Amino acid sequence: MQYIKAKFPNSTRSYTYRTEVSVKAGDTVVNAKGAKLTVTDETVDMKWVETYGADKVAVVKKCEEPVDAGESEDKPNEIDH
């Protein structure tokens, strides 16, 4: 379990979350309600987590953006002449 700080778009305040997948600063994560947040590079105060209760910290999942139809992640669209 990894504890991270993430913030909502257009917000200056970061909140503490936990995740089971590895994420890094700049990654997009999704909370239980489907809201997208951006992972920050702030350190998590583990003393706060212990005091608040690790089981009470909200869980987020990494947001995997689907590839648009007709596009490929491996190579750009090519046109045969």
Protein backbone atom coordinates (compact mmCIF):
# COMPACT_ATOMS: atom_id res chain seq x y z
CA MET A 1 0.00 0.00 0.00
CA GLN A 2 1.37 3.37 -1.02
CA TYR A 3 0.30 6.68 0.55
CA ILE A 4 0.28 9.66 -1.80
CA LYS A 5 -0.76 13.29 -1.96
CA ALA A 6 -3.06 14.31 -4.81
CA LYS A 7 -5.13 17.34 -5.67
CA PHE A 8 -8.23 18.11 -7.66
CA PRO A 9 -7.88 20.18 -10.86
CA ASN A 10 -7.83 23.94 -10.20
CA SER A 11 -7.10 23.32 -6.52
CA THR A 12 -4.05 24.35 -4.52
CA ARG A 13 -4.63 21.97 -1.60
CA SER A 14 -3.41 18.38 -1.68
CA TYR A 15 -5.10 15.53 0.15
CA THR A 16 -3.74 12.20 1.37
CA TYR A 17 -4.87 9.00 -0.36
CA ARG A 18 -3.74 5.39 -0.50
CA THR A 19 -3.32 3.23 -3.55
CA GLU A 20 -2.34 -0.34 -4.29
CA VAL A 21 -0.65 0.52 -7.59
CA SER A 22 2.58 2.43 -8.08
CA VAL A 23 2.05 6.04 -9.15
CA LYS A 24 4.35 9.01 -9.51
CA ALA A 25 3.99 12.79 -9.49
CA GLY A 26 1.95 13.97 -12.46
CA ASP A 27 -0.05 10.74 -12.82
CA THR A 28 -3.83 10.94 -12.87
CA VAL A 29 -5.78 8.91 -10.32
CA VAL A 30 -9.51 8.41 -9.77
CA ASN A 31 -11.33 8.36 -6.43
CA ALA A 32 -14.35 6.21 -5.53
CA LYS A 33 -16.75 8.81 -6.96
CA GLY A 34 -14.93 8.89 -10.31
CA ALA A 35 -13.32 12.30 -9.82
CA LYS A 36 -9.87 12.71 -11.35
CA LEU A 37 -6.97 13.98 -9.28
CA THR A 38 -3.32 14.68 -10.06
CA VAL A 39 -0.60 13.08 -7.94
CA THR A 40 1.80 15.62 -6.39
CA ASP A 41 5.39 15.17 -5.25
CA GLU A 42 4.58 16.17 -1.65
CA THR A 43 5.57 13.78 1.11
CA VAL A 44 2.88 12.15 3.22
CA ASP A 45 3.00 12.69 6.98
CA MET A 46 2.79 9.08 8.19
CA LYS A 47 2.27 10.27 11.76
CA TRP A 48 -0.95 11.92 10.54
CA VAL A 49 -2.00 8.66 8.82
CA GLU A 50 -1.39 6.69 12.02
CA THR A 51 -3.35 9.23 14.09
CA TYR A 52 -6.25 9.53 11.65
CA GLY A 53 -6.36 5.79 10.95
CA ALA A 54 -4.98 4.11 7.86
CA ASP A 55 -8.33 2.40 7.23
CA LYS A 56 -10.02 5.81 7.00
CA VAL A 57 -7.74 7.16 4.25
CA ALA A 58 -9.59 7.19 0.92
CA VAL A 59 -8.39 4.81 -1.79
CA VAL A 60 -7.64 5.94 -5.35
CA LYS A 61 -6.83 3.98 -8.51
CA LYS A 62 -4.58 4.92 -11.39
CA CYS A 63 -6.55 6.40 -14.26
CA GLU A 64 -5.79 4.51 -17.44
CA GLU A 65 -6.78 6.72 -20.37
CA PRO A 66 -8.24 4.58 -23.15
CA VAL A 67 -6.60 4.82 -26.55
CA ASP A 68 -8.91 6.47 -29.08
CA ALA A 69 -10.31 4.22 -31.80
CA GLY A 70 -8.01 4.13 -34.80
CA GLU A 71 -4.95 5.13 -32.81
CA SER A 72 -2.08 2.97 -31.71
CA GLU A 73 0.29 3.53 -28.81
CA ASP A 74 3.14 1.87 -30.67
CA LYS A 75 3.33 3.90 -33.85
CA PRO A 76 1.56 6.79 -35.55
CA ASN A 77 -1.07 6.21 -38.20
CA GLU A 78 0.61 5.47 -41.50
CA ILE A 79 -0.85 5.90 -44.95
CA ASP A 80 0.26 3.57 -47.73
CA HIS A 81 0.78 5.24 -51.09
